[in-house]
C-alpha atoms as a PDB file:
ATOM      1  CA  UNK A   1     149.486 122.652  22.213  1.00  0.00           C
ATOM      2  CA  UNK A   2     147.572 122.360  25.479  1.00  0.00           C
ATOM      3  CA  UNK A   3     150.110 119.879  26.838  1.00  0.00           C
ATOM      4  CA  UNK A   4     152.925 122.335  26.094  1.00  0.00           C
ATOM      5  CA  UNK A   5     150.939 125.087  27.794  1.00  0.00           C
ATOM      6  CA  UNK A   6     150.552 123.030  30.961  1.00  0.00           C
ATOM      7  CA  UNK A   7     154.223 122.031  30.975  1.00  0.00           C
ATOM      8  CA  UNK A   8     155.377 125.608  30.388  1.00  0.00           C
ATOM      9  CA  UNK A   9     153.196 126.891  33.228  1.00  0.00           C
ATOM     10  CA  UNK A  10     154.521 124.267  35.635  1.00  0.00           C
ATOM     11  CA  UNK A  11     158.143 125.019  34.756  1.00  0.00           C
ATOM     12  CA  UNK A  12     157.589 128.772  35.026  1.00  0.00           C
ATOM     13  CA  UNK A  13     155.849 128.405  38.399  1.00  0.00           C
ATOM     14  CA  UNK A  14     158.549 126.185  39.879  1.00  0.00           C
ATOM     15  CA  UNK A  15     161.313 128.479  38.579  1.00  0.00           C
ATOM     16  CA  UNK A  16     159.622 131.608  39.938  1.00  0.00           C
ATOM     17  CA  UNK A  17     159.119 130.043  43.355  1.00  0.00           C
ATOM     18  CA  UNK A  18     162.706 128.827  43.454  1.00  0.00           C
ATOM     19  CA  UNK A  19     163.801 132.429  42.932  1.00  0.00           C
ATOM     20  CA  UNK A  20     161.590 133.616  45.817  1.00  0.00           C
ATOM     21  CA  UNK A  21     161.945 130.699  48.227  1.00  0.00           C
ATOM     22  CA  UNK A  22     163.698 131.188  51.518  1.00  0.00           C
ATOM     23  CA  UNK A  23     165.512 128.746  53.756  1.00  0.00           C
ATOM     24  CA  UNK A  24     165.031 127.486  57.323  1.00  0.00           C
ATOM     25  CA  UNK A  25     167.241 130.264  58.681  1.00  0.00           C
ATOM     26  CA  UNK A  26     164.751 132.865  57.390  1.00  0.00           C
ATOM     27  CA  UNK A  27     161.606 131.321  58.849  1.00  0.00           C
ATOM     28  CA  UNK A  28     159.347 133.858  60.486  1.00  0.00           C
ATOM     29  CA  UNK A  29     161.072 136.859  58.862  1.00  0.00           C
ATOM     30  CA  UNK A  30     158.339 137.797  56.383  1.00  0.00           C
ATOM     31  CA  UNK A  31     155.417 140.134  56.970  1.00  0.00           C
ATOM     32  CA  UNK A  32     151.838 140.600  55.765  1.00  0.00           C
ATOM     33  CA  UNK A  33     150.925 137.145  57.079  1.00  0.00           C
ATOM     34  CA  UNK A  34     147.243 137.962  56.684  1.00  0.00           C
ATOM     35  CA  UNK A  35     147.793 136.951  53.045  1.00  0.00           C
ATOM     36  CA  UNK A  36     147.932 133.348  54.288  1.00  0.00           C
ATOM     37  CA  UNK A  37     144.554 133.592  56.044  1.00  0.00           C
ATOM     38  CA  UNK A  38     141.463 132.282  54.286  1.00  0.00           C
ATOM     39  CA  UNK A  39     138.141 133.960  55.163  1.00  0.00           C
ATOM     40  CA  UNK A  40     135.971 131.642  53.018  1.00  0.00           C
ATOM     41  CA  UNK A  41     134.213 128.952  55.026  1.00  0.00           C
ATOM     42  CA  UNK A  42     133.805 126.385  52.238  1.00  0.00           C
ATOM     43  CA  UNK A  43     137.477 125.998  51.347  1.00  0.00           C
ATOM     44  CA  UNK A  44     138.792 126.543  54.890  1.00  0.00           C
ATOM     45  CA  UNK A  45     136.838 123.454  55.978  1.00  0.00           C
ATOM     46  CA  UNK A  46     139.409 121.522  53.940  1.00  0.00           C
ATOM     47  CA  UNK A  47     142.365 123.693  55.016  1.00  0.00           C
ATOM     48  CA  UNK A  48     142.579 124.907  51.416  1.00  0.00           C
ATOM     49  CA  UNK A  49     143.718 121.470  50.241  1.00  0.00           C
ATOM     50  CA  UNK A  50     141.494 121.516  47.148  1.00  0.00           C
ATOM     51  CA  UNK A  51     144.083 123.074  44.837  1.00  0.00           C
ATOM     52  CA  UNK A  52     142.576 121.243  41.883  1.00  0.00           C
ATOM     53  CA  UNK A  53     138.983 121.151  43.177  1.00  0.00           C
ATOM     54  CA  UNK A  54     138.310 124.689  44.400  1.00  0.00           C
ATOM     55  CA  UNK A  55     135.678 126.584  42.425  1.00  0.00           C
ATOM     56  CA  UNK A  56     134.106 130.010  42.642  1.00  0.00           C
ATOM     57  CA  UNK A  57     135.234 132.944  44.745  1.00  0.00           C
ATOM     58  CA  UNK A  58     137.120 130.691  47.190  1.00  0.00           C
ATOM     59  CA  UNK A  59     139.592 130.183  44.354  1.00  0.00           C
ATOM     60  CA  UNK A  60     140.888 133.736  44.736  1.00  0.00           C
ATOM     61  CA  UNK A  61     142.467 132.584  48.013  1.00  0.00           C
ATOM     62  CA  UNK A  62     143.571 129.103  46.921  1.00  0.00           C
ATOM     63  CA  UNK A  63     144.042 128.854  43.152  1.00  0.00           C
ATOM     64  CA  UNK A  64     142.706 131.635  40.882  1.00  0.00           C
ATOM     65  CA  UNK A  65     142.210 129.171  38.023  1.00  0.00           C
ATOM     66  CA  UNK A  66     139.147 127.862  39.878  1.00  0.00           C
ATOM     67  CA  UNK A  67     137.257 131.080  39.128  1.00  0.00           C
ATOM     68  CA  UNK A  68     136.102 129.378  35.933  1.00  0.00           C
ATOM     69  CA  UNK A  69     133.713 127.392  38.122  1.00  0.00           C
ATOM     70  CA  UNK A  70     131.412 130.436  38.177  1.00  0.00           C
ATOM     71  CA  UNK A  71     128.639 129.913  35.630  1.00  0.00           C
ATOM     72  CA  UNK A  72     127.178 133.429  35.557  1.00  0.00           C
ATOM     73  CA  UNK A  73     127.394 135.596  38.673  1.00  0.00           C
ATOM     74  CA  UNK A  74     128.434 134.720  42.206  1.00  0.00           C
ATOM     75  CA  UNK A  75     128.223 136.827  45.357  1.00  0.00           C
ATOM     76  CA  UNK A  76     129.691 135.794  48.686  1.00  0.00           C
ATOM     77  CA  UNK A  77     130.199 137.182  52.187  1.00  0.00           C
ATOM     78  CA  UNK A  78     132.013 135.513  55.057  1.00  0.00           C
ATOM     79  CA  UNK A  79     132.929 136.124  58.670  1.00  0.00           C
ATOM     80  CA  UNK A  80     135.625 134.229  60.542  1.00  0.00           C
ATOM     81  CA  UNK A  81     136.168 134.178  64.300  1.00  0.00           C
ATOM     82  CA  UNK A  82     139.916 133.700  64.118  1.00  0.00           C
ATOM     83  CA  UNK A  83     141.208 131.834  67.176  1.00  0.00           C
ATOM     84  CA  UNK A  84     138.002 132.418  69.109  1.00  0.00           C
ATOM     85  CA  UNK A  85     138.861 134.209  72.312  1.00  0.00           C
ATOM     86  CA  UNK A  86     141.462 136.441  70.670  1.00  0.00           C
ATOM     87  CA  UNK A  87     138.817 138.961  69.465  1.00  0.00           C
ATOM     88  CA  UNK A  88     140.241 138.821  65.916  1.00  0.00           C
ATOM     89  CA  UNK A  89     137.835 138.549  62.987  1.00  0.00           C
ATOM     90  CA  UNK A  90     138.255 138.125  59.247  1.00  0.00           C
ATOM     91  CA  UNK A  91     135.603 139.684  57.035  1.00  0.00           C
ATOM     92  CA  UNK A  92     135.354 138.691  53.391  1.00  0.00           C
ATOM     93  CA  UNK A  93     133.301 140.042  50.504  1.00  0.00           C
ATOM     94  CA  UNK A  94     133.515 138.847  46.918  1.00  0.00           C
ATOM     95  CA  UNK A  95     131.813 139.000  43.532  1.00  0.00           C
ATOM     96  CA  UNK A  96     132.521 137.018  40.383  1.00  0.00           C
ATOM     97  CA  UNK A  97     131.182 137.540  36.878  1.00  0.00           C
ATOM     98  CA  UNK A  98     131.561 135.425  33.767  1.00  0.00           C
ATOM     99  CA  UNK A  99     132.812 137.403  30.784  1.00  0.00           C
ATOM    100  CA  UNK A 100     132.116 135.824  27.451  1.00  0.00           C
ATOM    101  CA  UNK A 101     132.198 132.073  27.035  1.00  0.00           C
ATOM    102  CA  UNK A 102     135.538 131.239  28.661  1.00  0.00           C
ATOM    103  CA  UNK A 103     136.533 134.106  30.973  1.00  0.00           C
ATOM    104  CA  UNK A 104     135.615 134.986  34.547  1.00  0.00           C
ATOM    105  CA  UNK A 105     136.473 138.167  36.455  1.00  0.00           C
ATOM    106  CA  UNK A 106     136.562 138.123  40.252  1.00  0.00           C
ATOM    107  CA  UNK A 107     136.871 140.764  42.973  1.00  0.00           C
ATOM    108  CA  UNK A 108     137.396 140.100  46.676  1.00  0.00           C
ATOM    109  CA  UNK A 109     138.069 142.148  49.788  1.00  0.00           C
ATOM    110  CA  UNK A 110     139.335 140.778  53.088  1.00  0.00           C
ATOM    111  CA  UNK A 111     139.617 142.931  56.202  1.00  0.00           C
ATOM    112  CA  UNK A 112     141.135 141.918  59.534  1.00  0.00           C
ATOM    113  CA  UNK A 113     139.376 143.286  62.608  1.00  0.00           C
ATOM    114  CA  UNK A 114     141.673 143.320  65.647  1.00  0.00           C
ATOM    115  CA  UNK A 115     139.205 145.120  67.869  1.00  0.00           C
ATOM    116  CA  UNK A 116     140.179 148.025  70.104  1.00  0.00           C
ATOM    117  CA  UNK A 117     143.712 147.946  71.513  1.00  0.00           C
ATOM    118  CA  UNK A 118     144.584 150.186  74.504  1.00  0.00           C
ATOM    119  CA  UNK A 119     147.444 152.639  74.078  1.00  0.00           C
ATOM    120  CA  UNK A 120     150.237 151.986  76.569  1.00  0.00           C
ATOM    121  CA  UNK A 121     153.341 154.002  77.356  1.00  0.00           C
ATOM    122  CA  UNK A 122     156.426 153.511  79.460  1.00  0.00           C
ATOM    123  CA  UNK A 123     154.876 155.600  82.223  1.00  0.00           C
ATOM    124  CA  UNK A 124     151.389 154.072  81.766  1.00  0.00           C
ATOM    125  CA  UNK A 125     151.898 150.367  81.014  1.00  0.00           C
ATOM    126  CA  UNK A 126     148.276 149.581  81.885  1.00  0.00           C
ATOM    127  CA  UNK A 127     146.972 152.076  79.348  1.00  0.00           C
ATOM    128  CA  UNK A 128     146.286 155.794  79.204  1.00  0.00           C
ATOM    129  CA  UNK A 129     142.547 155.558  78.547  1.00  0.00           C
ATOM    130  CA  UNK A 130     142.928 155.842  74.750  1.00  0.00           C
ATOM    131  CA  UNK A 131     142.583 152.980  72.285  1.00  0.00           C
ATOM    132  CA  UNK A 132     143.257 152.434  68.586  1.00  0.00           C
ATOM    133  CA  UNK A 133     142.057 149.981  65.942  1.00  0.00           C
ATOM    134  CA  UNK A 134     144.577 148.672  63.379  1.00  0.00           C
ATOM    135  CA  UNK A 135     143.162 148.366  59.865  1.00  0.00           C
ATOM    136  CA  UNK A 136     144.546 145.564  57.704  1.00  0.00           C
ATOM    137  CA  UNK A 137     142.831 144.796  54.405  1.00  0.00           C
ATOM    138  CA  UNK A 138     143.639 143.534  50.936  1.00  0.00           C
ATOM    139  CA  UNK A 139     141.789 143.942  47.664  1.00  0.00           C
ATOM    140  CA  UNK A 140     142.177 141.230  45.044  1.00  0.00           C
ATOM    141  CA  UNK A 141     141.220 141.374  41.366  1.00  0.00           C
ATOM    142  CA  UNK A 142     141.476 138.082  39.492  1.00  0.00           C
ATOM    143  CA  UNK A 143     140.848 136.741  36.038  1.00  0.00           C
ATOM    144  CA  UNK A 144     140.598 133.122  34.916  1.00  0.00           C
ATOM    145  CA  UNK A 145     140.322 131.667  31.437  1.00  0.00           C
ATOM    146  CA  UNK A 146     139.206 128.176  30.468  1.00  0.00           C
ATOM    147  CA  UNK A 147     141.093 126.944  27.410  1.00  0.00           C
ATOM    148  CA  UNK A 148     138.926 123.838  27.352  1.00  0.00           C
ATOM    149  CA  UNK A 149     136.727 121.798  29.666  1.00  0.00           C
ATOM    150  CA  UNK A 150     139.925 120.411  31.183  1.00  0.00           C
ATOM    151  CA  UNK A 151     142.416 123.275  31.399  1.00  0.00           C
ATOM    152  CA  UNK A 152     142.007 126.663  33.075  1.00  0.00           C
ATOM    153  CA  UNK A 153     144.524 129.310  34.107  1.00  0.00           C
ATOM    154  CA  UNK A 154     144.024 132.240  36.460  1.00  0.00           C
ATOM    155  CA  UNK A 155     145.859 135.284  37.806  1.00  0.00           C
ATOM    156  CA  UNK A 156     145.238 137.655  40.720  1.00  0.00           C
ATOM    157  CA  UNK A 157     146.634 141.062  41.623  1.00  0.00           C
ATOM    158  CA  UNK A 158     146.195 142.021  45.255  1.00  0.00           C
ATOM    159  CA  UNK A 159     146.598 145.420  46.911  1.00  0.00           C
ATOM    160  CA  UNK A 160     147.818 145.141  50.507  1.00  0.00           C
ATOM    161  CA  UNK A 161     147.214 147.846  53.084  1.00  0.00           C
ATOM    162  CA  UNK A 162     148.322 147.698  56.708  1.00  0.00           C
ATOM    163  CA  UNK A 163     147.625 150.624  58.993  1.00  0.00           C
ATOM    164  CA  UNK A 164     149.016 149.761  62.385  1.00  0.00           C
ATOM    165  CA  UNK A 165     148.300 153.150  63.969  1.00  0.00           C
ATOM    166  CA  UNK A 166     147.122 156.519  62.697  1.00  0.00           C
ATOM    167  CA  UNK A 167     150.704 157.518  61.894  1.00  0.00           C
ATOM    168  CA  UNK A 168     152.293 154.217  60.757  1.00  0.00           C
ATOM    169  CA  UNK A 169     151.253 152.229  57.674  1.00  0.00           C
ATOM    170  CA  UNK A 170     152.510 150.069  54.828  1.00  0.00           C
ATOM    171  CA  UNK A 171     151.201 149.250  51.344  1.00  0.00           C
ATOM    172  CA  UNK A 172     152.231 146.746  48.710  1.00  0.00           C
ATOM    173  CA  UNK A 173     151.200 144.545  45.791  1.00  0.00           C
ATOM    174  CA  UNK A 174     151.081 140.770  45.566  1.00  0.00           C
ATOM    175  CA  UNK A 175     150.474 138.497  42.588  1.00  0.00           C
ATOM    176  CA  UNK A 176     149.014 134.979  42.372  1.00  0.00           C
ATOM    177  CA  UNK A 177     148.896 132.538  39.477  1.00  0.00           C
ATOM    178  CA  UNK A 178     147.270 129.141  39.175  1.00  0.00           C
ATOM    179  CA  UNK A 179     146.416 126.283  36.860  1.00  0.00           C
ATOM    180  CA  UNK A 180     143.836 123.500  37.040  1.00  0.00           C
ATOM    181  CA  UNK A 181     143.716 120.363  34.926  1.00  0.00           C
ATOM    182  CA  UNK A 182     140.545 118.301  35.243  1.00  0.00           C
ATOM    183  CA  UNK A 183     139.938 115.009  33.464  1.00  0.00           C
ATOM    184  CA  UNK A 184     136.510 114.005  34.683  1.00  0.00           C
ATOM    185  CA  UNK A 185     137.403 112.334  37.966  1.00  0.00           C
ATOM    186  CA  UNK A 186     141.044 113.390  38.280  1.00  0.00           C
ATOM    187  CA  UNK A 187     141.813 116.973  39.363  1.00  0.00           C
ATOM    188  CA  UNK A 188     145.286 118.512  39.415  1.00  0.00           C
ATOM    189  CA  UNK A 189     146.083 122.024  40.564  1.00  0.00           C
ATOM    190  CA  UNK A 190     149.138 124.242  40.925  1.00  0.00           C
ATOM    191  CA  UNK A 191     149.265 127.748  42.364  1.00  0.00           C
ATOM    192  CA  UNK A 192     151.934 130.277  43.244  1.00  0.00           C
ATOM    193  CA  UNK A 193     150.793 132.929  45.707  1.00  0.00           C
ATOM    194  CA  UNK A 194     151.981 136.142  47.330  1.00  0.00           C
ATOM    195  CA  UNK A 195     154.766 137.065  44.945  1.00  0.00           C
ATOM    196  CA  UNK A 196     155.677 140.743  45.151  1.00  0.00           C
ATOM    197  CA  UNK A 197     158.242 143.364  46.023  1.00  0.00           C
ATOM    198  CA  UNK A 198     159.201 143.886  49.697  1.00  0.00           C
ATOM    199  CA  UNK A 199     157.036 146.186  51.811  1.00  0.00           C
ATOM    200  CA  UNK A 200     158.068 148.827  54.307  1.00  0.00           C
ATOM    201  CA  UNK A 201     156.317 150.672  57.099  1.00  0.00           C
ATOM    202  CA  UNK A 202     156.351 154.471  56.905  1.00  0.00           C
ATOM    203  CA  UNK A 203     154.889 157.388  58.809  1.00  0.00           C
ATOM    204  CA  UNK A 204     155.467 160.095  61.359  1.00  0.00           C
ATOM    205  CA  UNK A 205     155.206 157.497  64.118  1.00  0.00           C
ATOM    206  CA  UNK A 206     158.859 156.675  63.545  1.00  0.00           C
ATOM    207  CA  UNK A 207     159.954 160.269  64.227  1.00  0.00           C
ATOM    208  CA  UNK A 208     161.368 161.226  67.602  1.00  0.00           C
ATOM    209  CA  UNK A 209     162.910 164.273  69.221  1.00  0.00           C
ATOM    210  CA  UNK A 210     166.497 164.201  70.411  1.00  0.00           C
ATOM    211  CA  UNK A 211     169.291 166.633  71.145  1.00  0.00           C
ATOM    212  CA  UNK A 212     172.578 167.138  69.403  1.00  0.00           C
ATOM    213  CA  UNK A 213     175.658 166.552  71.547  1.00  0.00           C
ATOM    214  CA  UNK A 214     178.108 169.367  72.126  1.00  0.00           C
ATOM    215  CA  UNK A 215     181.529 169.091  70.530  1.00  0.00           C
ATOM    216  CA  UNK A 216     184.859 170.873  70.582  1.00  0.00           C
ATOM    217  CA  UNK A 217     183.933 172.452  67.238  1.00  0.00           C
ATOM    218  CA  UNK A 218     180.531 173.620  68.460  1.00  0.00           C
ATOM    219  CA  UNK A 219     180.648 173.930  72.247  1.00  0.00           C
ATOM    220  CA  UNK A 220     178.003 176.656  72.431  1.00  0.00           C
ATOM    221  CA  UNK A 221     175.247 175.275  70.202  1.00  0.00           C
ATOM    222  CA  UNK A 222     175.371 171.745  71.521  1.00  0.00           C
ATOM    223  CA  UNK A 223     172.355 169.998  73.013  1.00  0.00           C
ATOM    224  CA  UNK A 224     169.972 171.610  70.513  1.00  0.00           C
ATOM    225  CA  UNK A 225     166.791 169.604  70.011  1.00  0.00           C
ATOM    226  CA  UNK A 226     165.875 168.305  66.563  1.00  0.00           C
ATOM    227  CA  UNK A 227     163.617 165.661  65.013  1.00  0.00           C
ATOM    228  CA  UNK A 228     165.074 162.403  63.743  1.00  0.00           C
ATOM    229  CA  UNK A 229     163.524 159.304  62.194  1.00  0.00           C
ATOM    230  CA  UNK A 230     164.260 155.655  62.892  1.00  0.00           C
ATOM    231  CA  UNK A 231     165.534 153.538  60.017  1.00  0.00           C
ATOM    232  CA  UNK A 232     162.954 150.918  59.034  1.00  0.00           C
ATOM    233  CA  UNK A 233     163.836 147.694  57.262  1.00  0.00           C
ATOM    234  CA  UNK A 234     161.756 146.240  54.464  1.00  0.00           C
ATOM    235  CA  UNK A 235     160.076 142.827  54.775  1.00  0.00           C
ATOM    236  CA  UNK A 236     159.211 140.184  52.201  1.00  0.00           C
ATOM    237  CA  UNK A 237     155.793 138.712  51.491  1.00  0.00           C
ATOM    238  CA  UNK A 238     155.025 135.133  52.647  1.00  0.00           C
ATOM    239  CA  UNK A 239     155.137 133.515  49.207  1.00  0.00           C
ATOM    240  CA  UNK A 240     153.897 129.923  48.897  1.00  0.00           C
ATOM    241  CA  UNK A 241     153.838 127.235  46.221  1.00  0.00           C
ATOM    242  CA  UNK A 242     150.912 124.781  46.238  1.00  0.00           C
ATOM    243  CA  UNK A 243     150.410 121.587  44.302  1.00  0.00           C
ATOM    244  CA  UNK A 244     147.414 119.322  44.783  1.00  0.00           C
ATOM    245  CA  UNK A 245     145.717 116.309  43.300  1.00  0.00           C
ATOM    246  CA  UNK A 246     142.301 114.787  43.885  1.00  0.00           C
ATOM    247  CA  UNK A 247     139.810 112.306  42.563  1.00  0.00           C
ATOM    248  CA  UNK A 248     136.004 112.400  42.380  1.00  0.00           C
ATOM    249  CA  UNK A 249     133.949 109.231  42.714  1.00  0.00           C
ATOM    250  CA  UNK A 250     130.232 109.348  41.919  1.00  0.00           C
ATOM    251  CA  UNK A 251     127.502 106.924  42.927  1.00  0.00           C
ATOM    252  CA  UNK A 252     123.714 106.486  42.726  1.00  0.00           C
ATOM    253  CA  UNK A 253     123.348 107.925  39.242  1.00  0.00           C
ATOM    254  CA  UNK A 254     125.697 110.797  40.097  1.00  0.00           C
ATOM    255  CA  UNK A 255     123.567 111.928  43.035  1.00  0.00           C
ATOM    256  CA  UNK A 256     126.340 111.177  45.518  1.00  0.00           C
ATOM    257  CA  UNK A 257     129.957 112.245  45.272  1.00  0.00           C
ATOM    258  CA  UNK A 258     133.049 111.459  47.311  1.00  0.00           C
ATOM    259  CA  UNK A 259     136.151 113.522  46.631  1.00  0.00           C
ATOM    260  CA  UNK A 260     139.578 112.585  47.941  1.00  0.00           C
ATOM    261  CA  UNK A 261     142.361 115.150  47.750  1.00  0.00           C
ATOM    262  CA  UNK A 262     145.947 115.682  48.810  1.00  0.00           C
ATOM    263  CA  UNK A 263     148.115 118.786  48.658  1.00  0.00           C
ATOM    264  CA  UNK A 264     151.633 119.969  49.387  1.00  0.00           C
ATOM    265  CA  UNK A 265     152.533 123.555  50.315  1.00  0.00           C
ATOM    266  CA  UNK A 266     156.054 124.899  50.225  1.00  0.00           C
ATOM    267  CA  UNK A 267     156.344 128.040  52.358  1.00  0.00           C
ATOM    268  CA  UNK A 268     159.179 130.500  51.886  1.00  0.00           C
ATOM    269  CA  UNK A 269     159.195 131.654  55.497  1.00  0.00           C
ATOM    270  CA  UNK A 270     157.615 128.855  57.511  1.00  0.00           C
ATOM    271  CA  UNK A 271     157.467 125.089  57.619  1.00  0.00           C
ATOM    272  CA  UNK A 272     156.354 123.118  54.584  1.00  0.00           C
ATOM    273  CA  UNK A 273     152.978 121.397  54.916  1.00  0.00           C
ATOM    274  CA  UNK A 274     151.081 118.552  53.336  1.00  0.00           C
ATOM    275  CA  UNK A 275     147.569 117.345  53.954  1.00  0.00           C
ATOM    276  CA  UNK A 276     144.720 115.024  53.085  1.00  0.00           C
ATOM    277  CA  UNK A 277     141.061 115.946  52.658  1.00  0.00           C
ATOM    278  CA  UNK A 278     137.742 114.208  52.073  1.00  0.00           C
ATOM    279  CA  UNK A 279     134.410 115.645  50.945  1.00  0.00           C
ATOM    280  CA  UNK A 280     131.029 113.951  50.608  1.00  0.00           C
ATOM    281  CA  UNK A 281     128.180 115.539  48.648  1.00  0.00           C
ATOM    282  CA  UNK A 282     124.573 114.489  48.221  1.00  0.00           C
ATOM    283  CA  UNK A 283     122.976 115.853  45.067  1.00  0.00           C
ATOM    284  CA  UNK A 284     125.410 118.815  45.384  1.00  0.00           C
ATOM    285  CA  UNK A 285     122.980 120.253  47.915  1.00  0.00           C
ATOM    286  CA  UNK A 286     124.434 118.963  51.159  1.00  0.00           C
ATOM    287  CA  UNK A 287     128.186 118.581  51.658  1.00  0.00           C
ATOM    288  CA  UNK A 288     130.393 117.650  54.578  1.00  0.00           C
ATOM    289  CA  UNK A 289     134.160 117.773  54.519  1.00  0.00           C
ATOM    290  CA  UNK A 290     137.202 117.224  56.714  1.00  0.00           C
ATOM    291  CA  UNK A 291     140.929 117.638  56.321  1.00  0.00           C
ATOM    292  CA  UNK A 292     144.189 117.300  58.177  1.00  0.00           C
ATOM    293  CA  UNK A 293     147.252 119.417  57.405  1.00  0.00           C
ATOM    294  CA  UNK A 294     150.586 118.248  58.774  1.00  0.00           C
ATOM    295  CA  UNK A 295     153.807 120.108  59.394  1.00  0.00           C
ATOM    296  CA  UNK A 296     156.866 119.186  61.405  1.00  0.00           C
ATOM    297  CA  UNK A 297     156.031 119.135  65.134  1.00  0.00           C
ATOM    298  CA  UNK A 298     152.272 119.699  64.691  1.00  0.00           C
ATOM    299  CA  UNK A 299     151.374 116.763  66.959  1.00  0.00           C
ATOM    300  CA  UNK A 300     153.856 117.651  69.712  1.00  0.00           C
ATOM    301  CA  UNK A 301     152.900 120.439  72.112  1.00  0.00           C
ATOM    302  CA  UNK A 302     156.561 121.077  72.887  1.00  0.00           C
ATOM    303  CA  UNK A 303     157.623 121.401  69.229  1.00  0.00           C
ATOM    304  CA  UNK A 304     154.510 122.855  67.577  1.00  0.00           C
ATOM    305  CA  UNK A 305     154.988 126.405  66.279  1.00  0.00           C
ATOM    306  CA  UNK A 306     151.503 126.828  64.786  1.00  0.00           C
ATOM    307  CA  UNK A 307     148.427 127.739  66.833  1.00  0.00           C
ATOM    308  CA  UNK A 308     146.324 125.540  64.524  1.00  0.00           C
ATOM    309  CA  UNK A 309     146.743 121.872  65.351  1.00  0.00           C
ATOM    310  CA  UNK A 310     145.959 120.421  61.918  1.00  0.00           C
ATOM    311  CA  UNK A 311     142.295 119.356  61.982  1.00  0.00           C
ATOM    312  CA  UNK A 312     139.570 121.084  59.953  1.00  0.00           C
ATOM    313  CA  UNK A 313     135.947 120.254  59.151  1.00  0.00           C
ATOM    314  CA  UNK A 314     132.972 121.920  57.571  1.00  0.00           C
ATOM    315  CA  UNK A 315     129.560 121.619  55.961  1.00  0.00           C
ATOM    316  CA  UNK A 316     127.549 123.274  53.203  1.00  0.00           C
ATOM    317  CA  UNK A 317     123.847 123.479  52.528  1.00  0.00           C
ATOM    318  CA  UNK A 318     122.843 124.937  49.177  1.00  0.00           C
ATOM    319  CA  UNK A 319     119.477 124.897  47.451  1.00  0.00           C
ATOM    320  CA  UNK A 320     118.352 126.010  43.995  1.00  0.00           C
ATOM    321  CA  UNK A 321     115.764 128.758  43.670  1.00  0.00           C
ATOM    322  CA  UNK A 322     113.806 126.603  41.296  1.00  0.00           C
ATOM    323  CA  UNK A 323     113.902 122.956  40.315  1.00  0.00           C
ATOM    324  CA  UNK A 324     116.744 122.248  37.861  1.00  0.00           C
ATOM    325  CA  UNK A 325     117.856 125.882  38.190  1.00  0.00           C
ATOM    326  CA  UNK A 326     121.532 126.911  38.170  1.00  0.00           C
ATOM    327  CA  UNK A 327     120.725 129.756  40.578  1.00  0.00           C
ATOM    328  CA  UNK A 328     121.566 128.622  44.109  1.00  0.00           C
ATOM    329  CA  UNK A 329     121.717 129.920  47.653  1.00  0.00           C
ATOM    330  CA  UNK A 330     124.235 128.353  50.012  1.00  0.00           C
ATOM    331  CA  UNK A 331     125.421 128.540  53.619  1.00  0.00           C
ATOM    332  CA  UNK A 332     128.914 127.332  54.572  1.00  0.00           C
ATOM    333  CA  UNK A 333     130.488 126.614  57.940  1.00  0.00           C
ATOM    334  CA  UNK A 334     133.981 125.488  58.917  1.00  0.00           C
ATOM    335  CA  UNK A 335     135.973 124.773  62.056  1.00  0.00           C
ATOM    336  CA  UNK A 336     139.732 124.492  62.583  1.00  0.00           C
ATOM    337  CA  UNK A 337     141.184 123.234  65.852  1.00  0.00           C
ATOM    338  CA  UNK A 338     143.604 125.431  67.783  1.00  0.00           C
ATOM    339  CA  UNK A 339     145.729 125.271  70.913  1.00  0.00           C
ATOM    340  CA  UNK A 340     145.380 127.597  72.749  1.00  0.00           C
ATOM    341  CA  UNK A 341     142.053 129.436  72.122  1.00  0.00           C
ATOM    342  CA  UNK A 342     138.757 127.812  71.172  1.00  0.00           C
ATOM    343  CA  UNK A 343     139.214 127.060  67.510  1.00  0.00           C
ATOM    344  CA  UNK A 344     138.719 129.114  64.356  1.00  0.00           C
ATOM    345  CA  UNK A 345     135.093 129.279  63.204  1.00  0.00           C
ATOM    346  CA  UNK A 346     133.941 130.593  59.829  1.00  0.00           C
ATOM    347  CA  UNK A 347     130.503 131.063  58.354  1.00  0.00           C
ATOM    348  CA  UNK A 348     129.666 132.271  54.867  1.00  0.00           C
ATOM    349  CA  UNK A 349     126.731 132.941  52.584  1.00  0.00           C
ATOM    350  CA  UNK A 350     126.923 132.664  48.810  1.00  0.00           C
ATOM    351  CA  UNK A 351     124.515 133.385  46.002  1.00  0.00           C
ATOM    352  CA  UNK A 352     124.938 132.039  42.469  1.00  0.00           C
ATOM    353  CA  UNK A 353     122.619 133.577  39.877  1.00  0.00           C
END
């Protein structure tokens, strides 16, 4: 029964993504790209390659099935200096709670802080002394269920809100689904993310005043002023399909662990990517990790279309409150190389109780 469940999920995921997938001619035509950003420092240190390994609240951004890694309650906050020097920050807040023996409910909020942007006009291209702050955030609610010690499935519904200015905004819904299959050392994961209906910007900011032209039928009342509104096109969400595999090797009476992982990401509106990651853990208290994610042209400055150049690294320090206690306090850090800017830095704090 479990084998049929896994097979059915894989087939459904691949079919759904095939229906949503774009083609090279549509690259760069989606919107809401903040859905592809990961505020959590632990998983971003591996570029999100741990599709089958990710556990806890990080799973809401990678593979919701990994929520089952929460034993009781988990709280996490994170702050990312996105492309340091650009003044863009990602702020993350999440809470996860086990429900019953096999279920876990998770809630996460990510907000993008663009800082203050000066208002410019045609007549005042250097700014008119007024500034505005765009507000982009998304709220995700996820649930994961463990059918056994090996198989878990998870789903996430995410509310998207983008307020570009005080009079222009867009809202939408996105859905994620994921599966993890763990057999001791071997970890396999599949996730389908950012599936939803197209979004559209609305607001009085698209209104403008114009005049009606005179005509032979109405020569007197021509040139009357009236308010019109620009036509706005909808945009799709940046849906992605992820599949990953990894293997855990343990040494020194299970006090040391080395995890090797690989993942492939098929993007509907950008280049496909694949990567390799490595994580070392000592007594699950100190962890270091590194990953490299490749896409076509990533190593060539003339052909690269991504500000991130492929390298990521990170570390975690977590300690139990008491000896042999499941309650832990952890600090995570990650770095991703960029060109230009000075890299993307993330730091997070998590509490498992």
